[in-house]
């Protein structure tokens, strides 16, 4: 009788272990990497034929596969990211994509990161993106995936029809990010978030060969009352001074204490 009771107890433990096994074996997958862009070098003589790699900061990062988007985060000041996919179904083919948008970073840091979106007017897609074109194969049991460094090359062309890379789009994004970062560091205080939420700024590039200058539509414009819009001409995507100037219009609209015509 005692042997029978012991056998039943052993069988119950075995069945319980089978039920708990999947939960115990399920492991998270941590994905790490870095995004950067090639910035055209500039000196007193103008733009040079060389470029320098710079980090893509505060940009949205998404991980997706056969199940759709499985994780999202944003890059740090060095362009690095780390994101955890909880209990993924493996093996899997995964892609990692960085876009010219700061929605995730702005949500996490509303007093220092403006909601920024650099959009295309010619490619038929809302945002520029950088990612792997060949899927990363993640085997069963994997707990980490290092995707390395992905770089957006610079644009060295003289006509919109010759645009073959997206480095300028990420440079526009980074200059706007840096302008707000300068404001925070200069004032030594967080940026006040207007009620109910921080309004976004949209930068469109390129605007085409017919538009030779950058323009700005303010927050109170009749066409786009809920957000500000900067239009960047095709040949100005690497002009950091001009880009910071256009972002300055938004800073003035959103945060200036005096909105008189001459400040």
Protein backbone atom coordinates (compact mmCIF):
# COMPACT_ATOMS: atom_id res chain seq x y z
CA UNK A 1 0.00 0.00 0.00
CA UNK A 2 2.83 2.35 0.90
CA UNK A 3 4.55 1.54 -2.41
CA UNK A 4 1.37 2.32 -4.32
CA UNK A 5 0.99 5.68 -2.54
CA UNK A 6 4.61 6.51 -3.28
CA UNK A 7 4.10 5.63 -6.94
CA UNK A 8 1.05 7.89 -7.18
CA UNK A 9 2.97 10.74 -5.57
CA UNK A 10 5.87 10.24 -7.97
CA UNK A 11 3.51 10.20 -10.95
CA UNK A 12 1.84 13.42 -9.77
CA UNK A 13 5.22 15.13 -9.48
CA UNK A 14 6.16 13.95 -12.96
CA UNK A 15 2.94 15.31 -14.47
CA UNK A 16 3.45 18.63 -12.67
CA UNK A 17 6.98 18.90 -14.02
CA UNK A 18 5.68 18.40 -17.56
CA UNK A 19 3.20 21.23 -17.10
CA UNK A 20 5.87 23.60 -15.76
CA UNK A 21 8.57 22.65 -18.26
CA UNK A 22 7.60 25.08 -21.07
CA UNK A 23 7.51 28.05 -18.69
CA UNK A 24 10.82 27.07 -17.19
CA UNK A 25 12.46 26.63 -20.59
CA UNK A 26 11.10 29.89 -22.08
CA UNK A 27 13.94 32.42 -22.25
CA UNK A 28 14.13 36.01 -23.34
CA UNK A 29 16.21 37.13 -26.30
CA UNK A 30 18.36 40.26 -25.94
CA UNK A 31 19.25 42.04 -29.18
CA UNK A 32 22.03 44.65 -29.30
CA UNK A 33 23.55 46.76 -32.03
CA UNK A 34 24.39 50.22 -33.27
CA UNK A 35 23.16 52.57 -35.98
CA UNK A 36 25.20 55.37 -37.52
CA UNK A 37 25.22 57.58 -40.59
CA UNK A 38 27.90 59.10 -42.81
CA UNK A 39 28.07 62.87 -42.40
CA UNK A 40 29.68 64.90 -45.17
CA UNK A 41 32.80 66.68 -43.96
CA UNK A 42 32.82 70.46 -44.14
CA UNK A 43 35.50 73.10 -43.66
CA UNK A 44 36.19 76.72 -44.58
CA UNK A 45 36.32 75.76 -48.25
CA UNK A 46 32.91 74.07 -48.21
CA UNK A 47 31.92 70.41 -48.41
CA UNK A 48 34.76 67.94 -48.79
CA UNK A 49 34.72 64.64 -50.73
CA UNK A 50 35.12 62.73 -47.44
CA UNK A 51 32.66 61.80 -44.72
CA UNK A 52 32.68 60.88 -41.03
CA UNK A 53 30.56 58.23 -39.32
CA UNK A 54 28.33 59.65 -36.58
CA UNK A 55 25.82 57.93 -34.26
CA UNK A 56 22.09 57.98 -34.96
CA UNK A 57 20.73 59.25 -31.64
CA UNK A 58 17.24 58.98 -30.12
CA UNK A 59 15.89 57.15 -33.17
CA UNK A 60 13.17 54.52 -33.06
CA UNK A 61 14.27 50.89 -33.39
CA UNK A 62 11.95 47.97 -34.15
CA UNK A 63 12.57 44.23 -34.29
CA UNK A 64 10.26 42.20 -36.48
CA UNK A 65 9.91 38.73 -37.96
CA UNK A 66 7.23 36.27 -38.99
CA UNK A 67 5.07 37.34 -36.02
CA UNK A 68 5.29 41.04 -36.93
CA UNK A 69 6.95 43.57 -34.63
CA UNK A 70 8.18 41.77 -31.52
CA UNK A 71 10.10 44.55 -29.72
CA UNK A 72 10.74 48.29 -29.92
CA UNK A 73 13.17 50.74 -28.33
CA UNK A 74 15.38 53.70 -29.33
CA UNK A 75 19.08 54.45 -29.74
CA UNK A 76 21.17 56.14 -27.06
CA UNK A 77 23.69 58.97 -27.46
CA UNK A 78 26.23 56.63 -28.99
CA UNK A 79 23.75 55.17 -31.47
CA UNK A 80 23.62 51.90 -29.52
CA UNK A 81 20.47 50.02 -28.61
CA UNK A 82 19.54 47.03 -26.50
CA UNK A 83 16.09 45.49 -26.50
CA UNK A 84 14.59 42.32 -25.04
CA UNK A 85 12.19 40.06 -26.91
CA UNK A 86 10.20 38.23 -24.21
CA UNK A 87 9.90 34.46 -24.69
CA UNK A 88 10.29 34.44 -28.48
CA UNK A 89 9.30 31.50 -30.62
CA UNK A 90 12.57 30.14 -32.00
CA UNK A 91 14.07 29.43 -34.44
CA UNK A 92 13.17 32.66 -36.20
CA UNK A 93 14.34 35.03 -38.93
CA UNK A 94 14.55 38.55 -37.51
CA UNK A 95 15.05 42.01 -38.97
CA UNK A 96 16.12 45.14 -37.10
CA UNK A 97 15.11 48.54 -38.41
CA UNK A 98 15.92 52.11 -37.35
CA UNK A 99 13.73 54.95 -38.63
CA UNK A 100 14.03 58.73 -38.80
CA UNK A 101 11.55 59.18 -35.96
CA UNK A 102 11.86 59.79 -32.23
CA UNK A 103 8.46 58.68 -30.93
CA UNK A 104 9.87 56.13 -28.48
CA UNK A 105 12.63 58.41 -27.19
CA UNK A 106 10.24 61.35 -26.83
CA UNK A 107 7.76 59.24 -24.88
CA UNK A 108 10.53 58.17 -22.51
CA UNK A 109 12.16 61.64 -22.27
CA UNK A 110 9.45 64.23 -23.00
CA UNK A 111 11.44 67.10 -21.48
CA UNK A 112 14.53 66.62 -23.64
CA UNK A 113 13.50 64.90 -26.89
CA UNK A 114 11.01 66.45 -29.30
CA UNK A 115 8.71 64.18 -31.33
CA UNK A 116 10.56 64.39 -34.65
CA UNK A 117 9.84 62.74 -37.99
CA UNK A 118 11.98 63.12 -41.12
CA UNK A 119 9.83 62.04 -44.01
CA UNK A 120 10.30 61.42 -47.71
CA UNK A 121 8.50 63.29 -50.46
CA UNK A 122 9.78 61.15 -53.31
CA UNK A 123 10.20 57.53 -52.21
CA UNK A 124 6.57 56.71 -51.47
CA UNK A 125 7.28 55.80 -47.83
CA UNK A 126 6.50 57.88 -44.74
CA UNK A 127 9.90 57.56 -43.06
CA UNK A 128 13.46 56.76 -43.99
CA UNK A 129 14.76 53.55 -42.48
CA UNK A 130 18.01 51.69 -42.03
CA UNK A 131 18.23 47.98 -41.29
CA UNK A 132 19.41 44.57 -42.37
CA UNK A 133 18.24 43.34 -45.76
CA UNK A 134 19.20 39.72 -45.04
CA UNK A 135 17.42 38.24 -42.03
CA UNK A 136 19.34 37.30 -38.90
CA UNK A 137 18.83 33.59 -38.25
CA UNK A 138 18.17 33.03 -34.55
CA UNK A 139 18.43 29.36 -33.54
CA UNK A 140 16.41 27.59 -30.86
CA UNK A 141 17.68 28.25 -27.37
CA UNK A 142 19.42 31.53 -28.27
CA UNK A 143 19.37 34.22 -25.59
CA UNK A 144 21.40 36.95 -27.34
CA UNK A 145 21.80 38.41 -30.82
CA UNK A 146 24.43 41.04 -31.67
CA UNK A 147 23.64 42.64 -35.02
CA UNK A 148 26.77 44.79 -35.19
CA UNK A 149 26.86 48.30 -36.69
CA UNK A 150 24.56 49.35 -39.53
CA UNK A 151 25.51 52.55 -41.38
CA UNK A 152 23.52 54.87 -43.63
CA UNK A 153 25.86 56.08 -46.36
CA UNK A 154 26.02 59.72 -47.40
CA UNK A 155 24.56 61.25 -50.56
CA UNK A 156 27.15 62.57 -53.01
CA UNK A 157 24.99 63.65 -55.91
CA UNK A 158 23.92 66.89 -57.57
CA UNK A 159 20.40 66.00 -58.62
CA UNK A 160 17.36 64.53 -56.82
CA UNK A 161 17.02 61.73 -59.35
CA UNK A 162 20.44 60.49 -58.29
CA UNK A 163 19.56 59.95 -54.64
CA UNK A 164 20.70 56.44 -53.84
CA UNK A 165 21.28 56.51 -50.08
CA UNK A 166 19.74 57.88 -46.93
CA UNK A 167 22.64 59.36 -45.00
CA UNK A 168 21.31 62.89 -45.44
CA UNK A 169 17.93 61.97 -43.96
CA UNK A 170 19.59 60.70 -40.80
CA UNK A 171 21.85 63.77 -40.72
CA UNK A 172 18.78 66.02 -40.81
CA UNK A 173 17.30 63.96 -38.00
CA UNK A 174 20.49 64.18 -35.94
CA UNK A 175 20.89 67.94 -36.36
CA UNK A 176 17.32 68.51 -35.15
CA UNK A 177 17.96 66.18 -32.20
CA UNK A 178 21.17 68.07 -31.42
CA UNK A 179 19.45 71.46 -31.58
CA UNK A 180 17.03 70.44 -28.85
CA UNK A 181 19.85 68.85 -26.89
CA UNK A 182 21.72 72.18 -27.01
CA UNK A 183 18.64 73.97 -25.70
CA UNK A 184 18.44 71.63 -22.71
CA UNK A 185 22.16 71.94 -21.96
CA UNK A 186 22.19 75.72 -22.45
CA UNK A 187 19.28 76.42 -20.12
CA UNK A 188 20.26 73.77 -17.59
CA UNK A 189 16.59 72.92 -17.14
CA UNK A 190 14.14 70.48 -18.75
CA UNK A 191 12.11 71.70 -21.68
CA UNK A 192 8.57 72.48 -20.48
CA UNK A 193 6.05 70.25 -22.21
CA UNK A 194 3.05 72.31 -23.37
CA UNK A 195 -0.36 70.91 -22.50
CA UNK A 196 -1.60 68.42 -23.36
CA UNK A 197 1.52 66.97 -25.02
CA UNK A 198 4.62 68.07 -26.87
CA UNK A 199 3.74 68.92 -30.46
CA UNK A 200 5.78 67.13 -33.13
CA UNK A 201 7.85 68.55 -35.95
CA UNK A 202 7.91 67.03 -39.42
CA UNK A 203 10.87 67.60 -41.73
CA UNK A 204 10.40 66.73 -45.39
CA UNK A 205 13.42 65.95 -47.58
CA UNK A 206 14.03 66.33 -50.43
CA UNK A 207 11.48 68.87 -51.59
CA UNK A 208 12.63 68.63 -55.20
CA UNK A 209 14.82 70.54 -57.60
CA UNK A 210 12.24 73.28 -58.00
CA UNK A 211 12.52 74.33 -54.36
CA UNK A 212 15.98 75.81 -53.93
CA UNK A 213 15.54 77.02 -50.35
CA UNK A 214 14.38 75.51 -47.08
CA UNK A 215 11.05 76.72 -45.70
CA UNK A 216 9.13 76.42 -42.46
CA UNK A 217 5.41 76.30 -41.67
CA UNK A 218 4.71 77.32 -38.06
CA UNK A 219 2.58 75.56 -35.48
CA UNK A 220 -0.27 78.00 -35.95
CA UNK A 221 -0.30 77.63 -39.73
CA UNK A 222 -3.67 77.03 -41.34
CA UNK A 223 -2.56 73.89 -43.20
CA UNK A 224 -0.93 72.02 -40.33
CA UNK A 225 -2.21 73.44 -37.03
CA UNK A 226 -1.19 70.41 -34.93
CA UNK A 227 2.48 70.24 -35.86
CA UNK A 228 5.28 72.28 -37.40
CA UNK A 229 6.70 71.47 -40.80
CA UNK A 230 10.15 72.08 -42.25
CA UNK A 231 10.79 71.56 -45.95
CA UNK A 232 14.43 70.86 -46.76
CA UNK A 233 15.67 71.32 -50.30
CA UNK A 234 17.46 68.38 -51.88
CA UNK A 235 20.93 69.99 -51.77
CA UNK A 236 20.65 71.17 -48.14
CA UNK A 237 20.46 67.80 -46.40
CA UNK A 238 24.04 68.12 -45.10
CA UNK A 239 23.98 71.82 -44.21
CA UNK A 240 23.99 71.65 -40.41
CA UNK A 241 23.77 75.43 -39.95
CA UNK A 242 20.70 75.72 -42.14
CA UNK A 243 19.05 72.69 -40.55
CA UNK A 244 19.61 74.08 -37.06
CA UNK A 245 18.14 77.39 -38.24
CA UNK A 246 14.94 75.69 -39.41
CA UNK A 247 14.66 73.78 -36.14
CA UNK A 248 15.16 77.08 -34.35
CA UNK A 249 11.86 78.30 -35.80
CA UNK A 250 10.13 75.43 -34.06
CA UNK A 251 11.91 76.13 -30.77
CA UNK A 252 10.76 79.74 -31.00
CA UNK A 253 7.16 78.78 -31.80
CA UNK A 254 6.94 76.21 -29.05
CA UNK A 255 8.95 77.72 -26.20
CA UNK A 256 9.54 81.46 -26.67
CA UNK A 257 8.15 83.69 -23.95
CA UNK A 258 7.71 86.59 -26.39
CA UNK A 259 6.07 86.02 -29.77
CA UNK A 260 6.25 89.60 -31.02
CA UNK A 261 7.30 89.96 -34.69
CA UNK A 262 10.89 90.77 -33.77
CA UNK A 263 11.16 88.70 -30.60
